Amino acid sequence: MSDASDLAGAATSTDPTVGLRAALALRKLAESLERLQVDNARCRGWSWQDIAAALGVSKQAVHKRYAATAPEPAKPSVRQRDSAHTSASVEG
């Protein structure tokens, strides 16, 4: 189940096997997307607190889950960081 339209159809299936497999695939996709965006945020200089707030979790929770493998944050200019946070708040 890799095609988005197939996955969406499977998620609403009345067959529990198909529906549960779709739920698993969606969970894996969401986890991959979250990892990608945490790494992206760290590369752009976001703090663990900034990331936690965007994800709606505690700083401790996000740090525990991602700190071991996340890239070191860049040191962006204040303008870059403010622009990134403004974009995040508009999109979220």
PDB file of N, CA and C in Angstrom:
ATOM      1  N   MET A   1       0.834  -1.185   0.000  1.00  0.00           N
ATOM      2  CA  MET A   1       0.000   0.000   0.000  1.00  0.00           C
ATOM      3  C   MET A   1       0.875   1.244   0.000  1.00  0.00           C
ATOM      4  N   SER A   2       1.273   1.705  -1.143  1.00  0.00           N
ATOM      5  CA  SER A   2       2.126   2.873  -1.178  1.00  0.00           C
ATOM      6  C   SER A   2       1.477   4.056  -1.891  1.00  0.00           C
ATOM      7  N   ASP A   3       0.563   3.808  -2.787  1.00  0.00           N
ATOM      8  CA  ASP A   3      -0.110   4.870  -3.500  1.00  0.00           C
ATOM      9  C   ASP A   3      -1.122   5.543  -2.572  1.00  0.00           C
ATOM     10  N   ALA A   4      -1.114   6.865  -2.546  1.00  0.00           N
ATOM     11  CA  ALA A   4      -1.974   7.611  -1.625  1.00  0.00           C
ATOM     12  C   ALA A   4      -3.457   7.318  -1.842  1.00  0.00           C
ATOM     13  N   SER A   5      -3.893   7.219  -3.080  1.00  0.00           N
ATOM     14  CA  SER A   5      -5.311   6.961  -3.325  1.00  0.00           C
ATOM     15  C   SER A   5      -5.698   5.543  -2.891  1.00  0.00           C
ATOM     16  N   ASP A   6      -4.797   4.574  -3.103  1.00  0.00           N
ATOM     17  CA  ASP A   6      -5.054   3.212  -2.632  1.00  0.00           C
ATOM     18  C   ASP A   6      -5.137   3.177  -1.108  1.00  0.00           C
ATOM     19  N   LEU A   7      -4.251   3.906  -0.468  1.00  0.00           N
ATOM     20  CA  LEU A   7      -4.221   3.948   0.985  1.00  0.00           C
ATOM     21  C   LEU A   7      -5.486   4.591   1.544  1.00  0.00           C
ATOM     22  N   ALA A   8      -5.916   5.656   0.929  1.00  0.00           N
ATOM     23  CA  ALA A   8      -7.139   6.325   1.382  1.00  0.00           C
ATOM     24  C   ALA A   8      -8.347   5.408   1.235  1.00  0.00           C
ATOM     25  N   GLY A   9      -8.426   4.702   0.130  1.00  0.00           N
ATOM     26  CA  GLY A   9      -9.531   3.770  -0.063  1.00  0.00           C
ATOM     27  C   GLY A   9      -9.483   2.624   0.919  1.00  0.00           C
ATOM     28  N   ALA A  10      -8.301   2.117   1.185  1.00  0.00           N
ATOM     29  CA  ALA A  10      -8.141   1.002   2.119  1.00  0.00           C
ATOM     30  C   ALA A  10      -8.491   1.412   3.541  1.00  0.00           C
ATOM     31  N   ALA A  11      -8.212   2.651   3.891  1.00  0.00           N
ATOM     32  CA  ALA A  11      -8.485   3.120   5.256  1.00  0.00           C
ATOM     33  C   ALA A  11      -9.970   3.102   5.579  1.00  0.00           C
ATOM     34  N   THR A  12     -10.809   3.185   4.574  1.00  0.00           N
ATOM     35  CA  THR A  12     -12.251   3.184   4.805  1.00  0.00           C
ATOM     36  C   THR A  12     -12.902   1.836   4.486  1.00  0.00           C
ATOM     37  N   SER A  13     -12.080   0.843   4.246  1.00  0.00           N
ATOM     38  CA  SER A  13     -12.589  -0.483   3.913  1.00  0.00           C
ATOM     39  C   SER A  13     -13.389  -1.078   5.077  1.00  0.00           C
ATOM     40  N   THR A  14     -14.403  -1.859   4.743  1.00  0.00           N
ATOM     41  CA  THR A  14     -15.146  -2.579   5.781  1.00  0.00           C
ATOM     42  C   THR A  14     -14.454  -3.871   6.178  1.00  0.00           C
ATOM     43  N   ASP A  15     -13.429  -4.261   5.432  1.00  0.00           N
ATOM     44  CA  ASP A  15     -12.633  -5.446   5.765  1.00  0.00           C
ATOM     45  C   ASP A  15     -11.601  -5.040   6.810  1.00  0.00           C
ATOM     46  N   PRO A  16     -11.688  -5.572   8.031  1.00  0.00           N
ATOM     47  CA  PRO A  16     -10.751  -5.175   9.087  1.00  0.00           C
ATOM     48  C   PRO A  16      -9.285  -5.397   8.731  1.00  0.00           C
ATOM     49  N   THR A  17      -8.979  -6.460   8.011  1.00  0.00           N
ATOM     50  CA  THR A  17      -7.588  -6.704   7.639  1.00  0.00           C
ATOM     51  C   THR A  17      -7.066  -5.581   6.757  1.00  0.00           C
ATOM     52  N   VAL A  18      -7.841  -5.199   5.782  1.00  0.00           N
ATOM     53  CA  VAL A  18      -7.442  -4.118   4.872  1.00  0.00           C
ATOM     54  C   VAL A  18      -7.366  -2.793   5.634  1.00  0.00           C
ATOM     55  N   GLY A  19      -8.363  -2.506   6.446  1.00  0.00           N
ATOM     56  CA  GLY A  19      -8.398  -1.255   7.202  1.00  0.00           C
ATOM     57  C   GLY A  19      -7.260  -1.131   8.198  1.00  0.00           C
ATOM     58  N   LEU A  20      -6.958  -2.217   8.894  1.00  0.00           N
ATOM     59  CA  LEU A  20      -5.870  -2.179   9.872  1.00  0.00           C
ATOM     60  C   LEU A  20      -4.505  -2.049   9.204  1.00  0.00           C
ATOM     61  N   ARG A  21      -4.342  -2.704   8.058  1.00  0.00           N
ATOM     62  CA  ARG A  21      -3.082  -2.541   7.325  1.00  0.00           C
ATOM     63  C   ARG A  21      -2.932  -1.098   6.843  1.00  0.00           C
ATOM     64  N   ALA A  22      -4.027  -0.500   6.441  1.00  0.00           N
ATOM     65  CA  ALA A  22      -3.990   0.903   6.018  1.00  0.00           C
ATOM     66  C   ALA A  22      -3.648   1.796   7.209  1.00  0.00           C
ATOM     67  N   ALA A  23      -4.205   1.503   8.373  1.00  0.00           N
ATOM     68  CA  ALA A  23      -3.887   2.284   9.575  1.00  0.00           C
ATOM     69  C   ALA A  23      -2.398   2.187   9.904  1.00  0.00           C
ATOM     70  N   LEU A  24      -1.838   1.002   9.782  1.00  0.00           N
ATOM     71  CA  LEU A  24      -0.412   0.808  10.018  1.00  0.00           C
ATOM     72  C   LEU A  24       0.423   1.615   9.022  1.00  0.00           C
ATOM     73  N   ALA A  25       0.048   1.555   7.758  1.00  0.00           N
ATOM     74  CA  ALA A  25       0.783   2.292   6.733  1.00  0.00           C
ATOM     75  C   ALA A  25       0.701   3.801   6.983  1.00  0.00           C
ATOM     76  N   LEU A  26      -0.471   4.280   7.398  1.00  0.00           N
ATOM     77  CA  LEU A  26      -0.622   5.703   7.702  1.00  0.00           C
ATOM     78  C   LEU A  26       0.224   6.103   8.902  1.00  0.00           C
ATOM     79  N   ARG A  27       0.282   5.245   9.918  1.00  0.00           N
ATOM     80  CA  ARG A  27       1.094   5.531  11.106  1.00  0.00           C
ATOM     81  C   ARG A  27       2.567   5.638  10.715  1.00  0.00           C
ATOM     82  N   LYS A  28       3.044   4.701   9.895  1.00  0.00           N
ATOM     83  CA  LYS A  28       4.442   4.733   9.457  1.00  0.00           C
ATOM     84  C   LYS A  28       4.733   5.988   8.634  1.00  0.00           C
ATOM     85  N   LEU A  29       3.789   6.361   7.791  1.00  0.00           N
ATOM     86  CA  LEU A  29       3.946   7.560   6.980  1.00  0.00           C
ATOM     87  C   LEU A  29       3.999   8.802   7.872  1.00  0.00           C
ATOM     88  N   ALA A  30       3.111   8.886   8.849  1.00  0.00           N
ATOM     89  CA  ALA A  30       3.096  10.028   9.765  1.00  0.00           C
ATOM     90  C   ALA A  30       4.390  10.112  10.564  1.00  0.00           C
ATOM     91  N   GLU A  31       4.898   8.971  11.017  1.00  0.00           N
ATOM     92  CA  GLU A  31       6.157   8.956  11.769  1.00  0.00           C
ATOM     93  C   GLU A  31       7.324   9.420  10.901  1.00  0.00           C
ATOM     94  N   SER A  32       7.342   8.991   9.655  1.00  0.00           N
ATOM     95  CA  SER A  32       8.408   9.414   8.738  1.00  0.00           C
ATOM     96  C   SER A  32       8.335  10.912   8.467  1.00  0.00           C
ATOM     97  N   LEU A  33       7.130  11.414   8.276  1.00  0.00           N
ATOM     98  CA  LEU A  33       6.937  12.831   8.022  1.00  0.00           C
ATOM     99  C   LEU A  33       7.349  13.659   9.238  1.00  0.00           C
ATOM    100  N   GLU A  34       6.992  13.206  10.428  1.00  0.00           N
ATOM    101  CA  GLU A  34       7.362  13.921  11.640  1.00  0.00           C
ATOM    102  C   GLU A  34       8.882  13.956  11.790  1.00  0.00           C
ATOM    103  N   ARG A  35       9.543  12.829  11.584  1.00  0.00           N
ATOM    104  CA  ARG A  35      11.006  12.762  11.672  1.00  0.00           C
ATOM    105  C   ARG A  35      11.639  13.745  10.688  1.00  0.00           C
ATOM    106  N   LEU A  36      11.159  13.744   9.460  1.00  0.00           N
ATOM    107  CA  LEU A  36      11.680  14.641   8.430  1.00  0.00           C
ATOM    108  C   LEU A  36      11.544  16.095   8.864  1.00  0.00           C
ATOM    109  N   GLN A  37      10.393  16.460   9.408  1.00  0.00           N
ATOM    110  CA  GLN A  37      10.166  17.854   9.773  1.00  0.00           C
ATOM    111  C   GLN A  37      10.891  18.262  11.051  1.00  0.00           C
ATOM    112  N   VAL A  38      11.088  17.326  11.978  1.00  0.00           N
ATOM    113  CA  VAL A  38      11.910  17.619  13.157  1.00  0.00           C
ATOM    114  C   VAL A  38      13.336  17.899  12.699  1.00  0.00           C
ATOM    115  N   ASP A  39      13.872  17.062  11.829  1.00  0.00           N
ATOM    116  CA  ASP A  39      15.218  17.279  11.300  1.00  0.00           C
ATOM    117  C   ASP A  39      15.295  18.620  10.563  1.00  0.00           C
ATOM    118  N   ASN A  40      14.287  18.918   9.776  1.00  0.00           N
ATOM    119  CA  ASN A  40      14.228  20.180   9.045  1.00  0.00           C
ATOM    120  C   ASN A  40      14.232  21.361  10.011  1.00  0.00           C
ATOM    121  N   ALA A  41      13.437  21.273  11.058  1.00  0.00           N
ATOM    122  CA  ALA A  41      13.371  22.356  12.041  1.00  0.00           C
ATOM    123  C   ALA A  41      14.710  22.539  12.756  1.00  0.00           C
ATOM    124  N   ARG A  42      15.346  21.435  13.142  1.00  0.00           N
ATOM    125  CA  ARG A  42      16.644  21.533  13.819  1.00  0.00           C
ATOM    126  C   ARG A  42      17.692  22.153  12.893  1.00  0.00           C
ATOM    127  N   CYS A  43      17.679  21.773  11.629  1.00  0.00           N
ATOM    128  CA  CYS A  43      18.625  22.348  10.672  1.00  0.00           C
ATOM    129  C   CYS A  43      18.405  23.851  10.491  1.00  0.00           C
ATOM    130  N   ARG A  44      17.194  24.288  10.739  1.00  0.00           N
ATOM    131  CA  ARG A  44      16.871  25.710  10.600  1.00  0.00           C
ATOM    132  C   ARG A  44      16.998  26.471  11.920  1.00  0.00           C
ATOM    133  N   GLY A  45      17.536  25.802  12.941  1.00  0.00           N
ATOM    134  CA  GLY A  45      17.816  26.487  14.195  1.00  0.00           C
ATOM    135  C   GLY A  45      16.708  26.464  15.228  1.00  0.00           C
ATOM    136  N   TRP A  46      15.670  25.684  15.006  1.00  0.00           N
ATOM    137  CA  TRP A  46      14.587  25.630  15.987  1.00  0.00           C
ATOM    138  C   TRP A  46      15.064  24.924  17.250  1.00  0.00           C
ATOM    139  N   SER A  47      14.599  25.380  18.379  1.00  0.00           N
ATOM    140  CA  SER A  47      14.906  24.736  19.658  1.00  0.00           C
ATOM    141  C   SER A  47      13.961  23.550  19.857  1.00  0.00           C
ATOM    142  N   TRP A  48      14.315  22.715  20.828  1.00  0.00           N
ATOM    143  CA  TRP A  48      13.423  21.603  21.162  1.00  0.00           C
ATOM    144  C   TRP A  48      12.079  22.135  21.644  1.00  0.00           C
ATOM    145  N   GLN A  49      12.091  23.259  22.348  1.00  0.00           N
ATOM    146  CA  GLN A  49      10.841  23.852  22.828  1.00  0.00           C
ATOM    147  C   GLN A  49       9.970  24.306  21.661  1.00  0.00           C
ATOM    148  N   ASP A  50      10.589  24.912  20.646  1.00  0.00           N
ATOM    149  CA  ASP A  50       9.841  25.349  19.460  1.00  0.00           C
ATOM    150  C   ASP A  50       9.181  24.160  18.766  1.00  0.00           C
ATOM    151  N   ILE A  51       9.939  23.093  18.608  1.00  0.00           N
ATOM    152  CA  ILE A  51       9.428  21.895  17.938  1.00  0.00           C
ATOM    153  C   ILE A  51       8.309  21.266  18.754  1.00  0.00           C
ATOM    154  N   ALA A  52       8.522  21.169  20.063  1.00  0.00           N
ATOM    155  CA  ALA A  52       7.512  20.589  20.952  1.00  0.00           C
ATOM    156  C   ALA A  52       6.202  21.362  20.862  1.00  0.00           C
ATOM    157  N   ALA A  53       6.298  22.682  20.863  1.00  0.00           N
ATOM    158  CA  ALA A  53       5.089  23.507  20.780  1.00  0.00           C
ATOM    159  C   ALA A  53       4.342  23.264  19.465  1.00  0.00           C
ATOM    160  N   ALA A  54       5.085  23.155  18.372  1.00  0.00           N
ATOM    161  CA  ALA A  54       4.462  22.915  17.065  1.00  0.00           C
ATOM    162  C   ALA A  54       3.782  21.549  17.003  1.00  0.00           C
ATOM    163  N   LEU A  55       4.356  20.563  17.713  1.00  0.00           N
ATOM    164  CA  LEU A  55       3.795  19.208  17.714  1.00  0.00           C
ATOM    165  C   LEU A  55       2.745  18.991  18.811  1.00  0.00           C
ATOM    166  N   GLY A  56       2.635  19.939  19.717  1.00  0.00           N
ATOM    167  CA  GLY A  56       1.665  19.804  20.800  1.00  0.00           C
ATOM    168  C   GLY A  56       2.074  18.786  21.850  1.00  0.00           C
ATOM    169  N   VAL A  57       3.392  18.664  22.087  1.00  0.00           N
ATOM    170  CA  VAL A  57       3.909  17.744  23.087  1.00  0.00           C
ATOM    171  C   VAL A  57       4.892  18.501  23.978  1.00  0.00           C
ATOM    172  N   SER A  58       5.385  17.839  25.015  1.00  0.00           N
ATOM    173  CA  SER A  58       6.353  18.485  25.890  1.00  0.00           C
ATOM    174  C   SER A  58       7.737  18.501  25.248  1.00  0.00           C
ATOM    175  N   LYS A  59       8.557  19.445  25.704  1.00  0.00           N
ATOM    176  CA  LYS A  59       9.940  19.523  25.242  1.00  0.00           C
ATOM    177  C   LYS A  59      10.665  18.217  25.550  1.00  0.00           C
ATOM    178  N   GLN A  60      10.405  17.669  26.718  1.00  0.00           N
ATOM    179  CA  GLN A  60      11.057  16.428  27.129  1.00  0.00           C
ATOM    180  C   GLN A  60      10.692  15.274  26.197  1.00  0.00           C
ATOM    181  N   ALA A  61       9.433  15.205  25.818  1.00  0.00           N
ATOM    182  CA  ALA A  61       8.976  14.110  24.955  1.00  0.00           C
ATOM    183  C   ALA A  61       9.642  14.165  23.581  1.00  0.00           C
ATOM    184  N   VAL A  62       9.683  15.343  22.995  1.00  0.00           N
ATOM    185  CA  VAL A  62      10.274  15.452  21.656  1.00  0.00           C
ATOM    186  C   VAL A  62      11.797  15.256  21.724  1.00  0.00           C
ATOM    187  N   HIS A  63      12.416  15.747  22.770  1.00  0.00           N
ATOM    188  CA  HIS A  63      13.859  15.579  22.917  1.00  0.00           C
ATOM    189  C   HIS A  63      14.212  14.106  23.102  1.00  0.00           C
ATOM    190  N   LYS A  64      13.458  13.419  23.944  1.00  0.00           N
ATOM    191  CA  LYS A  64      13.713  11.999  24.192  1.00  0.00           C
ATOM    192  C   LYS A  64      13.591  11.186  22.904  1.00  0.00           C
ATOM    193  N   ARG A  65      12.607  11.525  22.098  1.00  0.00           N
ATOM    194  CA  ARG A  65      12.349  10.749  20.884  1.00  0.00           C
ATOM    195  C   ARG A  65      13.356  11.022  19.768  1.00  0.00           C
ATOM    196  N   TYR A  66      13.812  12.269  19.636  1.00  0.00           N
ATOM    197  CA  TYR A  66      14.586  12.630  18.453  1.00  0.00           C
ATOM    198  C   TYR A  66      16.013  13.110  18.700  1.00  0.00           C
ATOM    199  N   ALA A  67      16.397  13.422  19.915  1.00  0.00           N
ATOM    200  CA  ALA A  67      17.700  14.054  20.152  1.00  0.00           C
ATOM    201  C   ALA A  67      18.880  13.211  19.707  1.00  0.00           C
ATOM    202  N   ALA A  68      18.802  11.914  19.864  1.00  0.00           N
ATOM    203  CA  ALA A  68      19.946  11.048  19.540  1.00  0.00           C
ATOM    204  C   ALA A  68      20.294  11.067  18.057  1.00  0.00           C
ATOM    205  N   THR A  69      19.324  11.324  17.200  1.00  0.00           N
ATOM    206  CA  THR A  69      19.579  11.238  15.761  1.00  0.00           C
ATOM    207  C   THR A  69      19.355  12.545  15.009  1.00  0.00           C
ATOM    208  N   ALA A  70      18.850  13.555  15.679  1.00  0.00           N
ATOM    209  CA  ALA A  70      18.577  14.827  15.000  1.00  0.00           C
ATOM    210  C   ALA A  70      19.873  15.572  14.720  1.00  0.00           C
ATOM    211  N   PRO A  71      19.921  16.296  13.613  1.00  0.00           N
ATOM    212  CA  PRO A  71      21.113  17.076  13.311  1.00  0.00           C
ATOM    213  C   PRO A  71      21.264  18.230  14.295  1.00  0.00           C
ATOM    214  N   GLU A  72      22.482  18.694  14.463  1.00  0.00           N
ATOM    215  CA  GLU A  72      22.715  19.870  15.302  1.00  0.00           C
ATOM    216  C   GLU A  72      22.057  21.066  14.629  1.00  0.00           C
ATOM    217  N   PRO A  73      21.481  21.947  15.415  1.00  0.00           N
ATOM    218  CA  PRO A  73      20.800  23.090  14.804  1.00  0.00           C
ATOM    219  C   PRO A  73      21.770  24.068  14.175  1.00  0.00           C
ATOM    220  N   ALA A  74      21.313  24.667  13.104  1.00  0.00           N
ATOM    221  CA  ALA A  74      22.076  25.749  12.477  1.00  0.00           C
ATOM    222  C   ALA A  74      21.901  26.978  13.351  1.00  0.00           C
ATOM    223  N   LYS A  75      22.688  27.968  13.130  1.00  0.00           N
ATOM    224  CA  LYS A  75      22.543  29.216  13.866  1.00  0.00           C
ATOM    225  C   LYS A  75      22.056  30.271  12.880  1.00  0.00           C
ATOM    226  N   PRO A  76      20.744  30.268  12.619  1.00  0.00           N
ATOM    227  CA  PRO A  76      20.208  31.206  11.631  1.00  0.00           C
ATOM    228  C   PRO A  76      20.182  32.625  12.180  1.00  0.00           C
ATOM    229  N   SER A  77      20.075  33.554  11.282  1.00  0.00           N
ATOM    230  CA  SER A  77      19.910  34.936  11.699  1.00  0.00           C
ATOM    231  C   SER A  77      18.534  35.073  12.340  1.00  0.00           C
ATOM    232  N   VAL A  78      18.349  36.108  13.101  1.00  0.00           N
ATOM    233  CA  VAL A  78      17.059  36.342  13.748  1.00  0.00           C
ATOM    234  C   VAL A  78      15.972  36.453  12.691  1.00  0.00           C
ATOM    235  N   ARG A  79      16.272  37.103  11.580  1.00  0.00           N
ATOM    236  CA  ARG A  79      15.285  37.262  10.517  1.00  0.00           C
ATOM    237  C   ARG A  79      14.843  35.912   9.955  1.00  0.00           C
ATOM    238  N   GLN A  80      15.779  34.997   9.706  1.00  0.00           N
ATOM    239  CA  GLN A  80      15.439  33.677   9.183  1.00  0.00           C
ATOM    240  C   GLN A  80      14.556  32.933  10.172  1.00  0.00           C
ATOM    241  N   ARG A  81      14.906  32.986  11.447  1.00  0.00           N
ATOM    242  CA  ARG A  81      14.156  32.247  12.461  1.00  0.00           C
ATOM    243  C   ARG A  81      12.752  32.824  12.603  1.00  0.00           C
ATOM    244  N   ASP A  82      12.644  34.148  12.669  1.00  0.00           N
ATOM    245  CA  ASP A  82      11.329  34.770  12.788  1.00  0.00           C
ATOM    246  C   ASP A  82      10.467  34.445  11.579  1.00  0.00           C
ATOM    247  N   SER A  83      11.058  34.442  10.400  1.00  0.00           N
ATOM    248  CA  SER A  83      10.333  34.105   9.189  1.00  0.00           C
ATOM    249  C   SER A  83       9.839  32.661   9.236  1.00  0.00           C
ATOM    250  N   ALA A  84      10.659  31.755   9.712  1.00  0.00           N
ATOM    251  CA  ALA A  84      10.274  30.353   9.804  1.00  0.00           C
ATOM    252  C   ALA A  84       9.130  30.160  10.776  1.00  0.00           C
ATOM    253  N   HIS A  85       9.177  30.828  11.915  1.00  0.00           N
ATOM    254  CA  HIS A  85       8.110  30.691  12.902  1.00  0.00           C
ATOM    255  C   HIS A  85       6.816  31.333  12.423  1.00  0.00           C
ATOM    256  N   THR A  86       6.920  32.435  11.722  1.00  0.00           N
ATOM    257  CA  THR A  86       5.735  33.087  11.181  1.00  0.00           C
ATOM    258  C   THR A  86       5.058  32.168  10.177  1.00  0.00           C
ATOM    259  N   SER A  87       5.845  31.538   9.303  1.00  0.00           N
ATOM    260  CA  SER A  87       5.295  30.614   8.324  1.00  0.00           C
ATOM    261  C   SER A  87       4.643  29.425   9.007  1.00  0.00           C
ATOM    262  N   ALA A  88       5.264  28.906  10.046  1.00  0.00           N
ATOM    263  CA  ALA A  88       4.716  27.751  10.759  1.00  0.00           C
ATOM    264  C   ALA A  88       3.398  28.096  11.413  1.00  0.00           C
ATOM    265  N   SER A  89       3.284  29.291  11.993  1.00  0.00           N
ATOM    266  CA  SER A  89       2.045  29.645  12.675  1.00  0.00           C
ATOM    267  C   SER A  89       0.929  29.921  11.679  1.00  0.00           C
ATOM    268  N   VAL A  90       1.261  30.404  10.492  1.00  0.00           N
ATOM    269  CA  VAL A  90       0.255  30.641   9.466  1.00  0.00           C
ATOM    270  C   VAL A  90      -0.250  29.308   8.918  1.00  0.00           C
ATOM    271  N   GLU A  91       0.668  28.346   8.701  1.00  0.00           N
ATOM    272  CA  GLU A  91       0.301  27.043   8.145  1.00  0.00           C
ATOM    273  C   GLU A  91      -0.407  26.180   9.165  1.00  0.00           C
ATOM    274  N   GLY A  92      -0.071  26.288  10.427  1.00  0.00           N
ATOM    275  CA  GLY A  92      -0.597  25.416  11.470  1.00  0.00           C
ATOM    276  C   GLY A  92      -1.804  25.952  12.059  1.00  0.00           C
TER     277      GLY A  92
END
